[in-house]
Amino acid sequence: ATVYLPETFERYDVTGPDGKKPVVGVPGDDPAGHFTVTRPGSYVVAYRSTLFTVTFDTLTEFEQYLEKEGLERIKTLRAYGPSKGKVIRENYSRSIKSLVMAGKPDVKTGADRVLGLRLELIAEKNPYVTGRVPVRLLYEGKPLEGALVVAFNKAEPLKKLKVRTDKDGRVQLEFIRPGIWLVTSVHMFPAPVKADADWESVWASLTFERP
């Protein structure tokens, strides 16, 4: 989030050496909220948005979107096909994590941890210490197999690492270049029967800055 808008999120907190605390802010703040580093260690900011909606005018447009995001498996689901309405409607939410390291990285302790987001990327080794990091993807607490994970450095956004998760929901990524890294993945499924949409998706991201 670039602006602090409480009505757009269900969860916004930071977990650090002193436990979990809310990220505070005043509506309209840009950047969106702040927290205080109390002592050296690792901090993980977690953000879960409310639902937003996007629409596609044609099935072809929707299929192009699926291919771009690595969601080809959606075409194999029984619910796949033309929308009942005039447009294809998708409800989506975001599950965002950001790692912050205060002080010298501790080689014995990871920078990340499982925080219970609906779709969650977890760095299983400390990316502030090592460049080769196993990253795991969990959906509602369980490993998600076959999902596309994309990672890139902000300085080279066109040089993307793309890997699909194994049966344990895990990929191996090489974060060699210093700077800000963004890791993303998305999971899509048929929307609940009572929802005013055809599909629902959750977008996960994990960011950190390698020294």
C-alpha atoms as a PDB file:
ATOM      1  CA  ALA A   1       0.000   0.000   0.000  1.00  0.00           C
ATOM      2  CA  THR A   2       1.317   3.460  -0.855  1.00  0.00           C
ATOM      3  CA  VAL A   3      -1.295   5.318   1.215  1.00  0.00           C
ATOM      4  CA  TYR A   4      -2.586   4.357   4.666  1.00  0.00           C
ATOM      5  CA  LEU A   5      -6.280   3.536   4.148  1.00  0.00           C
ATOM      6  CA  PRO A   6      -7.693   1.340   6.967  1.00  0.00           C
ATOM      7  CA  GLU A   7     -10.734   0.331   4.925  1.00  0.00           C
ATOM      8  CA  THR A   8      -8.498  -1.395   2.356  1.00  0.00           C
ATOM      9  CA  PHE A   9      -6.821  -3.906   4.693  1.00  0.00           C
ATOM     10  CA  GLU A  10      -7.766  -6.632   7.162  1.00  0.00           C
ATOM     11  CA  ARG A  11      -4.329  -6.985   8.718  1.00  0.00           C
ATOM     12  CA  TYR A  12      -1.277  -4.723   8.935  1.00  0.00           C
ATOM     13  CA  ASP A  13       1.324  -5.519  11.577  1.00  0.00           C
ATOM     14  CA  VAL A  14       5.002  -6.084  12.253  1.00  0.00           C
ATOM     15  CA  THR A  15       6.524  -9.036  14.106  1.00  0.00           C
ATOM     16  CA  GLY A  16       9.957  -8.536  15.648  1.00  0.00           C
ATOM     17  CA  PRO A  17      12.098  -9.329  18.695  1.00  0.00           C
ATOM     18  CA  ASP A  18       9.397  -7.928  20.993  1.00  0.00           C
ATOM     19  CA  GLY A  19       6.478  -9.759  19.385  1.00  0.00           C
ATOM     20  CA  LYS A  20       3.677  -8.575  17.093  1.00  0.00           C
ATOM     21  CA  LYS A  21       2.512  -4.958  16.997  1.00  0.00           C
ATOM     22  CA  PRO A  22       0.191  -3.038  14.648  1.00  0.00           C
ATOM     23  CA  VAL A  23       1.677  -0.779  12.006  1.00  0.00           C
ATOM     24  CA  VAL A  24       0.240   2.613  12.885  1.00  0.00           C
ATOM     25  CA  GLY A  25      -0.785   5.481  10.665  1.00  0.00           C
ATOM     26  CA  VAL A  26      -3.276   8.236   9.982  1.00  0.00           C
ATOM     27  CA  PRO A  27      -5.671   7.818   7.037  1.00  0.00           C
ATOM     28  CA  GLY A  28      -4.032   9.362   3.989  1.00  0.00           C
ATOM     29  CA  ASP A  29      -0.448   8.933   5.254  1.00  0.00           C
ATOM     30  CA  ASP A  30       2.100   8.362   2.472  1.00  0.00           C
ATOM     31  CA  PRO A  31       4.120   6.221   3.049  1.00  0.00           C
ATOM     32  CA  ALA A  32       1.449   3.974   4.499  1.00  0.00           C
ATOM     33  CA  GLY A  33       2.188   3.731   8.204  1.00  0.00           C
ATOM     34  CA  HIS A  34       5.296   3.285  10.316  1.00  0.00           C
ATOM     35  CA  PHE A  35       6.768   1.221  13.137  1.00  0.00           C
ATOM     36  CA  THR A  36       9.621   1.675  15.590  1.00  0.00           C
ATOM     37  CA  VAL A  37      12.695  -0.570  15.642  1.00  0.00           C
ATOM     38  CA  THR A  38      13.115  -1.307  19.344  1.00  0.00           C
ATOM     39  CA  ARG A  39      16.324  -3.349  19.203  1.00  0.00           C
ATOM     40  CA  PRO A  40      18.564  -5.223  16.736  1.00  0.00           C
ATOM     41  CA  GLY A  41      17.048  -8.225  14.996  1.00  0.00           C
ATOM     42  CA  SER A  42      14.692  -9.214  12.212  1.00  0.00           C
ATOM     43  CA  TYR A  43      11.280  -7.657  11.637  1.00  0.00           C
ATOM     44  CA  VAL A  44       8.554  -8.919   9.294  1.00  0.00           C
ATOM     45  CA  VAL A  45       5.784  -6.611   8.141  1.00  0.00           C
ATOM     46  CA  ALA A  46       2.556  -8.417   7.155  1.00  0.00           C
ATOM     47  CA  TYR A  47      -0.336  -6.910   5.195  1.00  0.00           C
ATOM     48  CA  ARG A  48      -3.588  -8.562   4.103  1.00  0.00           C
ATOM     49  CA  SER A  49      -5.876  -6.490   1.883  1.00  0.00           C
ATOM     50  CA  THR A  50      -9.631  -6.591   1.518  1.00  0.00           C
ATOM     51  CA  LEU A  51     -11.150  -7.820  -1.747  1.00  0.00           C
ATOM     52  CA  PHE A  52     -10.872  -5.793  -4.937  1.00  0.00           C
ATOM     53  CA  THR A  53     -12.406  -6.556  -8.332  1.00  0.00           C
ATOM     54  CA  VAL A  54     -11.086  -6.663 -11.879  1.00  0.00           C
ATOM     55  CA  THR A  55     -13.058  -7.550 -15.015  1.00  0.00           C
ATOM     56  CA  PHE A  56     -12.237  -8.968 -18.454  1.00  0.00           C
ATOM     57  CA  ASP A  57     -14.425  -8.203 -21.449  1.00  0.00           C
ATOM     58  CA  THR A  58     -13.699 -11.426 -23.354  1.00  0.00           C
ATOM     59  CA  LEU A  59     -12.566 -14.987 -22.689  1.00  0.00           C
ATOM     60  CA  THR A  60      -9.528 -14.350 -24.922  1.00  0.00           C
ATOM     61  CA  GLU A  61      -8.473 -11.414 -22.768  1.00  0.00           C
ATOM     62  CA  PHE A  62      -8.851 -13.551 -19.649  1.00  0.00           C
ATOM     63  CA  GLU A  63      -6.781 -16.390 -21.172  1.00  0.00           C
ATOM     64  CA  GLN A  64      -3.965 -13.988 -22.051  1.00  0.00           C
ATOM     65  CA  TYR A  65      -3.972 -12.867 -18.423  1.00  0.00           C
ATOM     66  CA  LEU A  66      -3.824 -16.487 -17.207  1.00  0.00           C
ATOM     67  CA  GLU A  67      -0.824 -17.241 -19.417  1.00  0.00           C
ATOM     68  CA  LYS A  68       1.009 -14.092 -18.314  1.00  0.00           C
ATOM     69  CA  GLU A  69       0.605 -14.972 -14.625  1.00  0.00           C
ATOM     70  CA  GLY A  70       1.348 -18.701 -14.993  1.00  0.00           C
ATOM     71  CA  LEU A  71      -2.239 -19.735 -14.197  1.00  0.00           C
ATOM     72  CA  GLU A  72      -2.765 -22.080 -17.149  1.00  0.00           C
ATOM     73  CA  ARG A  73      -4.113 -24.804 -14.835  1.00  0.00           C
ATOM     74  CA  ILE A  74      -7.311 -22.756 -14.454  1.00  0.00           C
ATOM     75  CA  LYS A  75      -8.301 -23.928 -17.957  1.00  0.00           C
ATOM     76  CA  THR A  76      -8.463 -27.528 -16.681  1.00  0.00           C
ATOM     77  CA  LEU A  77     -10.969 -26.783 -13.910  1.00  0.00           C
ATOM     78  CA  ARG A  78     -14.621 -27.728 -14.320  1.00  0.00           C
ATOM     79  CA  ALA A  79     -15.706 -24.160 -13.612  1.00  0.00           C
ATOM     80  CA  TYR A  80     -13.689 -22.809 -16.552  1.00  0.00           C
ATOM     81  CA  GLY A  81     -15.542 -21.360 -19.539  1.00  0.00           C
ATOM     82  CA  PRO A  82     -17.492 -18.298 -20.642  1.00  0.00           C
ATOM     83  CA  SER A  83     -18.866 -16.103 -17.882  1.00  0.00           C
ATOM     84  CA  LYS A  84     -22.547 -16.259 -16.983  1.00  0.00           C
ATOM     85  CA  GLY A  85     -22.619 -12.470 -17.302  1.00  0.00           C
ATOM     86  CA  LYS A  86     -21.331 -10.109 -19.971  1.00  0.00           C
ATOM     87  CA  VAL A  87     -17.848  -9.912 -18.448  1.00  0.00           C
ATOM     88  CA  ILE A  88     -15.544 -12.228 -16.504  1.00  0.00           C
ATOM     89  CA  ARG A  89     -15.234 -10.917 -12.967  1.00  0.00           C
ATOM     90  CA  GLU A  90     -12.375 -11.706 -10.582  1.00  0.00           C
ATOM     91  CA  ASN A  91     -12.163 -10.770  -6.913  1.00  0.00           C
ATOM     92  CA  TYR A  92      -8.617 -10.528  -5.599  1.00  0.00           C
ATOM     93  CA  SER A  93      -6.732  -9.756  -2.404  1.00  0.00           C
ATOM     94  CA  ARG A  94      -3.077  -9.267  -1.530  1.00  0.00           C
ATOM     95  CA  SER A  95      -0.933 -11.001   1.094  1.00  0.00           C
ATOM     96  CA  ILE A  96       2.211  -8.891   1.435  1.00  0.00           C
ATOM     97  CA  LYS A  97       5.322  -9.422   3.541  1.00  0.00           C
ATOM     98  CA  SER A  98       8.426  -7.281   3.874  1.00  0.00           C
ATOM     99  CA  LEU A  99      11.600  -8.265   5.716  1.00  0.00           C
ATOM    100  CA  VAL A 100      13.587  -5.652   7.640  1.00  0.00           C
ATOM    101  CA  MET A 101      16.933  -6.343   9.313  1.00  0.00           C
ATOM    102  CA  ALA A 102      18.116  -4.028  12.101  1.00  0.00           C
ATOM    103  CA  GLY A 103      21.797  -4.350  12.934  1.00  0.00           C
ATOM    104  CA  LYS A 104      24.177  -7.071  11.802  1.00  0.00           C
ATOM    105  CA  PRO A 105      22.409 -10.159  10.368  1.00  0.00           C
ATOM    106  CA  ASP A 106      22.488 -13.164  12.673  1.00  0.00           C
ATOM    107  CA  VAL A 107      23.699 -16.231  10.777  1.00  0.00           C
ATOM    108  CA  LYS A 108      21.969 -18.510  13.308  1.00  0.00           C
ATOM    109  CA  THR A 109      18.531 -16.961  12.870  1.00  0.00           C
ATOM    110  CA  GLY A 110      16.325 -16.604   9.815  1.00  0.00           C
ATOM    111  CA  ALA A 111      14.948 -13.214   8.859  1.00  0.00           C
ATOM    112  CA  ASP A 112      11.522 -14.600   8.001  1.00  0.00           C
ATOM    113  CA  ARG A 113       8.825 -16.619   9.786  1.00  0.00           C
ATOM    114  CA  VAL A 114       5.373 -18.039   9.090  1.00  0.00           C
ATOM    115  CA  LEU A 115       2.729 -15.433   9.937  1.00  0.00           C
ATOM    116  CA  GLY A 116      -0.471 -17.155   8.845  1.00  0.00           C
ATOM    117  CA  LEU A 117      -1.370 -15.109   5.767  1.00  0.00           C
ATOM    118  CA  ARG A 118      -3.837 -16.797   3.425  1.00  0.00           C
ATOM    119  CA  LEU A 119      -1.185 -17.148   0.693  1.00  0.00           C
ATOM    120  CA  GLU A 120       2.306 -16.755   2.090  1.00  0.00           C
ATOM    121  CA  LEU A 121       5.874 -16.809   0.788  1.00  0.00           C
ATOM    122  CA  ILE A 122       8.473 -17.765   3.399  1.00  0.00           C
ATOM    123  CA  ALA A 123      12.242 -17.364   3.017  1.00  0.00           C
ATOM    124  CA  GLU A 124      13.561 -20.477   4.804  1.00  0.00           C
ATOM    125  CA  LYS A 125      17.110 -19.115   4.998  1.00  0.00           C
ATOM    126  CA  ASN A 126      18.163 -15.580   5.814  1.00  0.00           C
ATOM    127  CA  PRO A 127      18.517 -13.665   2.490  1.00  0.00           C
ATOM    128  CA  TYR A 128      20.606 -11.054   4.312  1.00  0.00           C
ATOM    129  CA  VAL A 129      23.253 -13.732   4.897  1.00  0.00           C
ATOM    130  CA  THR A 130      23.135 -16.090   1.906  1.00  0.00           C
ATOM    131  CA  GLY A 131      22.218 -15.649  -1.756  1.00  0.00           C
ATOM    132  CA  ARG A 132      20.809 -19.156  -2.288  1.00  0.00           C
ATOM    133  CA  VAL A 133      17.496 -19.318  -0.453  1.00  0.00           C
ATOM    134  CA  PRO A 134      14.752 -21.965  -0.378  1.00  0.00           C
ATOM    135  CA  VAL A 135      11.404 -20.166  -0.521  1.00  0.00           C
ATOM    136  CA  ARG A 136       8.196 -21.938   0.431  1.00  0.00           C
ATOM    137  CA  LEU A 137       4.647 -21.099  -0.650  1.00  0.00           C
ATOM    138  CA  LEU A 138       1.746 -21.927   1.671  1.00  0.00           C
ATOM    139  CA  TYR A 139      -1.960 -21.576   0.919  1.00  0.00           C
ATOM    140  CA  GLU A 140      -4.080 -21.559   4.069  1.00  0.00           C
ATOM    141  CA  GLY A 141      -1.156 -23.126   5.917  1.00  0.00           C
ATOM    142  CA  LYS A 142      -0.512 -25.978   3.460  1.00  0.00           C
ATOM    143  CA  PRO A 143       2.173 -26.299   0.729  1.00  0.00           C
ATOM    144  CA  LEU A 144       0.952 -25.193  -2.698  1.00  0.00           C
ATOM    145  CA  GLU A 145       2.350 -27.342  -5.524  1.00  0.00           C
ATOM    146  CA  GLY A 146       2.816 -26.231  -9.133  1.00  0.00           C
ATOM    147  CA  ALA A 147       2.484 -22.496  -8.524  1.00  0.00           C
ATOM    148  CA  LEU A 148       4.684 -20.099 -10.465  1.00  0.00           C
ATOM    149  CA  VAL A 149       7.049 -18.055  -8.286  1.00  0.00           C
ATOM    150  CA  VAL A 150       8.652 -15.006  -9.872  1.00  0.00           C
ATOM    151  CA  ALA A 151      11.543 -13.009  -8.404  1.00  0.00           C
ATOM    152  CA  PHE A 152      13.453  -9.979  -9.635  1.00  0.00           C
ATOM    153  CA  ASN A 153      15.805  -7.278  -8.431  1.00  0.00           C
ATOM    154  CA  LYS A 154      14.435  -3.731  -8.624  1.00  0.00           C
ATOM    155  CA  ALA A 155      17.579  -2.637 -10.493  1.00  0.00           C
ATOM    156  CA  GLU A 156      16.962  -5.288 -13.189  1.00  0.00           C
ATOM    157  CA  PRO A 157      13.166  -5.740 -13.376  1.00  0.00           C
ATOM    158  CA  LEU A 158      13.284  -7.488 -16.765  1.00  0.00           C
ATOM    159  CA  LYS A 159      15.649 -10.222 -15.527  1.00  0.00           C
ATOM    160  CA  LYS A 160      13.074 -12.408 -13.809  1.00  0.00           C
ATOM    161  CA  LEU A 161      13.678 -15.720 -12.064  1.00  0.00           C
ATOM    162  CA  LYS A 162      10.710 -18.034 -12.714  1.00  0.00           C
ATOM    163  CA  VAL A 163      10.296 -21.398 -10.961  1.00  0.00           C
ATOM    164  CA  ARG A 164       7.299 -23.607 -10.135  1.00  0.00           C
ATOM    165  CA  THR A 165       6.882 -24.996  -6.639  1.00  0.00           C
ATOM    166  CA  ASP A 166       7.492 -28.683  -5.966  1.00  0.00           C
ATOM    167  CA  LYS A 167       5.193 -31.017  -3.995  1.00  0.00           C
ATOM    168  CA  ASP A 168       6.360 -29.367  -0.770  1.00  0.00           C
ATOM    169  CA  GLY A 169       5.536 -25.898  -2.089  1.00  0.00           C
ATOM    170  CA  ARG A 170       9.222 -25.044  -2.316  1.00  0.00           C
ATOM    171  CA  VAL A 171      11.525 -23.369  -4.843  1.00  0.00           C
ATOM    172  CA  GLN A 172      15.243 -22.597  -4.753  1.00  0.00           C
ATOM    173  CA  LEU A 173      16.173 -19.020  -5.690  1.00  0.00           C
ATOM    174  CA  GLU A 174      19.541 -17.313  -6.191  1.00  0.00           C
ATOM    175  CA  PHE A 175      19.531 -13.759  -4.855  1.00  0.00           C
ATOM    176  CA  ILE A 176      23.032 -12.832  -5.966  1.00  0.00           C
ATOM    177  CA  ARG A 177      22.760  -9.122  -6.709  1.00  0.00           C
ATOM    178  CA  PRO A 178      22.502  -6.669  -3.799  1.00  0.00           C
ATOM    179  CA  GLY A 179      19.524  -4.333  -3.607  1.00  0.00           C
ATOM    180  CA  ILE A 180      15.751  -4.643  -3.321  1.00  0.00           C
ATOM    181  CA  TRP A 181      14.238  -7.991  -4.312  1.00  0.00           C
ATOM    182  CA  LEU A 182      10.580  -8.772  -4.935  1.00  0.00           C
ATOM    183  CA  VAL A 183       9.247 -12.354  -4.916  1.00  0.00           C
ATOM    184  CA  THR A 184       5.664 -12.940  -6.041  1.00  0.00           C
ATOM    185  CA  SER A 185       3.120 -15.697  -6.637  1.00  0.00           C
ATOM    186  CA  VAL A 186      -0.628 -15.916  -7.241  1.00  0.00           C
ATOM    187  CA  HIS A 187      -3.242 -18.585  -6.577  1.00  0.00           C
ATOM    188  CA  MET A 188      -6.637 -18.559  -8.310  1.00  0.00           C
ATOM    189  CA  PHE A 189      -9.763 -20.657  -7.733  1.00  0.00           C
ATOM    190  CA  PRO A 190     -13.517 -20.518  -8.497  1.00  0.00           C
ATOM    191  CA  ALA A 191     -15.227 -17.806  -6.476  1.00  0.00           C
ATOM    192  CA  PRO A 192     -17.669 -18.863  -3.723  1.00  0.00           C
ATOM    193  CA  VAL A 193     -21.201 -19.487  -4.986  1.00  0.00           C
ATOM    194  CA  LYS A 194     -22.650 -16.397  -3.290  1.00  0.00           C
ATOM    195  CA  ALA A 195     -19.869 -14.089  -4.506  1.00  0.00           C
ATOM    196  CA  ASP A 196     -20.563 -11.593  -7.263  1.00  0.00           C
ATOM    197  CA  ALA A 197     -17.629 -12.936  -9.282  1.00  0.00           C
ATOM    198  CA  ASP A 198     -16.509 -15.877 -11.409  1.00  0.00           C
ATOM    199  CA  TRP A 199     -13.041 -16.264  -9.892  1.00  0.00           C
ATOM    200  CA  GLU A 200     -11.101 -15.324  -6.787  1.00  0.00           C
ATOM    201  CA  SER A 201      -7.341 -14.955  -6.458  1.00  0.00           C
ATOM    202  CA  VAL A 202      -4.794 -14.209  -3.765  1.00  0.00           C
ATOM    203  CA  TRP A 203      -1.542 -12.448  -4.645  1.00  0.00           C
ATOM    204  CA  ALA A 204       1.451 -13.014  -2.386  1.00  0.00           C
ATOM    205  CA  SER A 205       4.667 -11.022  -2.307  1.00  0.00           C
ATOM    206  CA  LEU A 206       7.850 -10.984  -0.254  1.00  0.00           C
ATOM    207  CA  THR A 207      10.336  -8.104  -0.339  1.00  0.00           C
ATOM    208  CA  PHE A 208      13.726  -7.500   1.229  1.00  0.00           C
ATOM    209  CA  GLU A 209      16.915  -5.564   0.518  1.00  0.00           C
ATOM    210  CA  ARG A 210      20.151  -7.518   0.242  1.00  0.00           C
ATOM    211  CA  PRO A 211      23.212  -5.603   1.456  1.00  0.00           C
END
